Amino acid sequence: MNAPRDRANDPPLLLKPASVAALLQIGLRTLWRWIEDDKFPPPDLRMGPKVVRWRRATVDAWVAANAVPVEVAASAKGGQTHVG
């Protein structure tokens, strides 16, 4: 029989805008701008006029589809690497 899992350390399934921005290491205003410019998916759930959430899977899928490895980014810039 399986023992019950302690889910206290599991990542949240639903993310607030500030949590999404923090995961992407961008400002909150940049997040909303990316959404307006169709660079990032809109919230998955609207739970009120000012309450929105993203599914963690949505954010993870966007990162996987849009992240560029540092080596590829460096070769596109002529070999210069700048992280940070």
C-alpha atoms as a PDB file:
ATOM      1  CA  MET A   1       0.000   0.000   0.000  1.00  0.00           C
ATOM      2  CA  ASN A   2       1.289   3.484  -0.828  1.00  0.00           C
ATOM      3  CA  ALA A   3       1.960   5.922   1.978  1.00  0.00           C
ATOM      4  CA  PRO A   4       0.300   9.345   1.651  1.00  0.00           C
ATOM      5  CA  ARG A   5       2.586  11.949   0.088  1.00  0.00           C
ATOM      6  CA  ASP A   6       3.540  15.112   1.869  1.00  0.00           C
ATOM      7  CA  ARG A   7       2.551  17.768  -0.691  1.00  0.00           C
ATOM      8  CA  ALA A   8       3.886  20.709   1.322  1.00  0.00           C
ATOM      9  CA  ASN A   9       6.992  20.894  -0.874  1.00  0.00           C
ATOM     10  CA  ASP A  10       5.219  20.338  -4.214  1.00  0.00           C
ATOM     11  CA  PRO A  11       5.108  23.368  -6.522  1.00  0.00           C
ATOM     12  CA  PRO A  12       1.682  25.010  -6.631  1.00  0.00           C
ATOM     13  CA  LEU A  13      -0.612  23.909  -9.448  1.00  0.00           C
ATOM     14  CA  LEU A  14      -2.032  27.412  -9.908  1.00  0.00           C
ATOM     15  CA  LEU A  15       0.181  30.489 -10.070  1.00  0.00           C
ATOM     16  CA  LYS A  16      -0.580  34.136  -9.368  1.00  0.00           C
ATOM     17  CA  PRO A  17       0.722  36.781 -11.789  1.00  0.00           C
ATOM     18  CA  ALA A  18       3.516  37.765  -9.383  1.00  0.00           C
ATOM     19  CA  SER A  19       4.599  34.109  -9.105  1.00  0.00           C
ATOM     20  CA  VAL A  20       4.691  33.723 -12.894  1.00  0.00           C
ATOM     21  CA  ALA A  21       6.755  36.903 -13.239  1.00  0.00           C
ATOM     22  CA  ALA A  22       9.134  35.707 -10.520  1.00  0.00           C
ATOM     23  CA  LEU A  23       9.577  32.309 -12.214  1.00  0.00           C
ATOM     24  CA  LEU A  24      10.421  34.052 -15.490  1.00  0.00           C
ATOM     25  CA  GLN A  25      12.586  36.629 -13.689  1.00  0.00           C
ATOM     26  CA  ILE A  26      10.724  39.528 -15.268  1.00  0.00           C
ATOM     27  CA  GLY A  27       8.692  42.390 -13.898  1.00  0.00           C
ATOM     28  CA  LEU A  28       4.957  42.143 -13.463  1.00  0.00           C
ATOM     29  CA  ARG A  29       4.397  44.891 -16.037  1.00  0.00           C
ATOM     30  CA  THR A  30       6.556  42.980 -18.531  1.00  0.00           C
ATOM     31  CA  LEU A  31       4.391  39.885 -17.992  1.00  0.00           C
ATOM     32  CA  TRP A  32       1.220  41.813 -18.851  1.00  0.00           C
ATOM     33  CA  ARG A  33       2.947  43.453 -21.827  1.00  0.00           C
ATOM     34  CA  TRP A  34       4.015  40.030 -23.161  1.00  0.00           C
ATOM     35  CA  ILE A  35       0.407  38.847 -22.844  1.00  0.00           C
ATOM     36  CA  GLU A  36      -0.865  41.925 -24.688  1.00  0.00           C
ATOM     37  CA  ASP A  37       1.746  41.329 -27.436  1.00  0.00           C
ATOM     38  CA  ASP A  38       0.881  37.596 -27.694  1.00  0.00           C
ATOM     39  CA  LYS A  39       4.362  36.648 -26.467  1.00  0.00           C
ATOM     40  CA  PHE A  40       3.023  34.784 -23.436  1.00  0.00           C
ATOM     41  CA  PRO A  41      -0.254  32.859 -22.919  1.00  0.00           C
ATOM     42  CA  PRO A  42      -3.093  34.597 -21.112  1.00  0.00           C
ATOM     43  CA  PRO A  43      -4.223  33.279 -17.724  1.00  0.00           C
ATOM     44  CA  ASP A  44      -5.853  29.852 -17.728  1.00  0.00           C
ATOM     45  CA  LEU A  45      -8.433  30.755 -15.084  1.00  0.00           C
ATOM     46  CA  ARG A  46     -10.320  33.913 -14.257  1.00  0.00           C
ATOM     47  CA  MET A  47     -11.837  33.645 -10.798  1.00  0.00           C
ATOM     48  CA  GLY A  48     -13.070  37.213 -10.542  1.00  0.00           C
ATOM     49  CA  PRO A  49     -12.572  40.609 -12.172  1.00  0.00           C
ATOM     50  CA  LYS A  50      -9.031  40.915 -10.800  1.00  0.00           C
ATOM     51  CA  VAL A  51      -8.200  37.335  -9.816  1.00  0.00           C
ATOM     52  CA  VAL A  52      -6.411  35.265 -12.456  1.00  0.00           C
ATOM     53  CA  ARG A  53      -4.229  32.155 -12.329  1.00  0.00           C
ATOM     54  CA  TRP A  54      -2.010  30.153 -14.662  1.00  0.00           C
ATOM     55  CA  ARG A  55      -1.632  26.408 -14.483  1.00  0.00           C
ATOM     56  CA  ARG A  56       1.969  25.500 -13.675  1.00  0.00           C
ATOM     57  CA  ALA A  57       1.934  23.195 -16.715  1.00  0.00           C
ATOM     58  CA  THR A  58       1.112  26.156 -18.997  1.00  0.00           C
ATOM     59  CA  VAL A  59       4.098  28.137 -17.752  1.00  0.00           C
ATOM     60  CA  ASP A  60       6.413  25.109 -17.910  1.00  0.00           C
ATOM     61  CA  ALA A  61       5.305  24.360 -21.495  1.00  0.00           C
ATOM     62  CA  TRP A  62       5.922  27.967 -22.558  1.00  0.00           C
ATOM     63  CA  VAL A  63       9.415  27.918 -21.045  1.00  0.00           C
ATOM     64  CA  ALA A  64      10.217  24.621 -22.776  1.00  0.00           C
ATOM     65  CA  ALA A  65       9.009  25.965 -26.129  1.00  0.00           C
ATOM     66  CA  ASN A  66      10.630  29.402 -25.869  1.00  0.00           C
ATOM     67  CA  ALA A  67      13.814  28.982 -23.872  1.00  0.00           C
ATOM     68  CA  VAL A  68      16.994  29.312 -25.914  1.00  0.00           C
ATOM     69  CA  PRO A  69      20.096  27.575 -24.560  1.00  0.00           C
ATOM     70  CA  VAL A  70      22.913  29.977 -23.694  1.00  0.00           C
ATOM     71  CA  GLU A  71      25.191  28.444 -26.367  1.00  0.00           C
ATOM     72  CA  VAL A  72      22.631  29.104 -29.124  1.00  0.00           C
ATOM     73  CA  ALA A  73      21.998  32.649 -27.924  1.00  0.00           C
ATOM     74  CA  ALA A  74      25.740  33.321 -27.807  1.00  0.00           C
ATOM     75  CA  SER A  75      26.338  32.089 -31.350  1.00  0.00           C
ATOM     76  CA  ALA A  76      23.497  34.284 -32.597  1.00  0.00           C
ATOM     77  CA  LYS A  77      25.240  37.284 -31.006  1.00  0.00           C
ATOM     78  CA  GLY A  78      28.605  36.479 -32.513  1.00  0.00           C
ATOM     79  CA  GLY A  79      29.997  34.492 -29.616  1.00  0.00           C
ATOM     80  CA  GLN A  80      29.396  37.022 -26.861  1.00  0.00           C
ATOM     81  CA  THR A  81      27.840  35.618 -23.733  1.00  0.00           C
ATOM     82  CA  HIS A  82      26.172  37.732 -21.115  1.00  0.00           C
ATOM     83  CA  VAL A  83      24.185  36.116 -18.373  1.00  0.00           C
ATOM     84  CA  GLY A  84      22.416  38.160 -15.771  1.00  0.00           C
END
